[in-house]
């Protein structure tokens, strides 16, 4: 499933692939066609997000 990306994600991770008419087209770039702009990524430090994870008393994870 392709859900697209935010403009900032596209800026930090330039890519050669395109999505049109229900198909993902890989483009002509080598590898998976995704690069990383490390300088731009450094300008946007990671901010932890809340992800609800439920654990039982024995430590096992179960669906919330």
Foldseek 3Di string as FASTA:
>chain_A
DDDDDDPLVCVQKPFQWDDDPNDIRQHDDPDSGIDGPVVSVVVPDDDDDDDDWDADPVGHTDDD
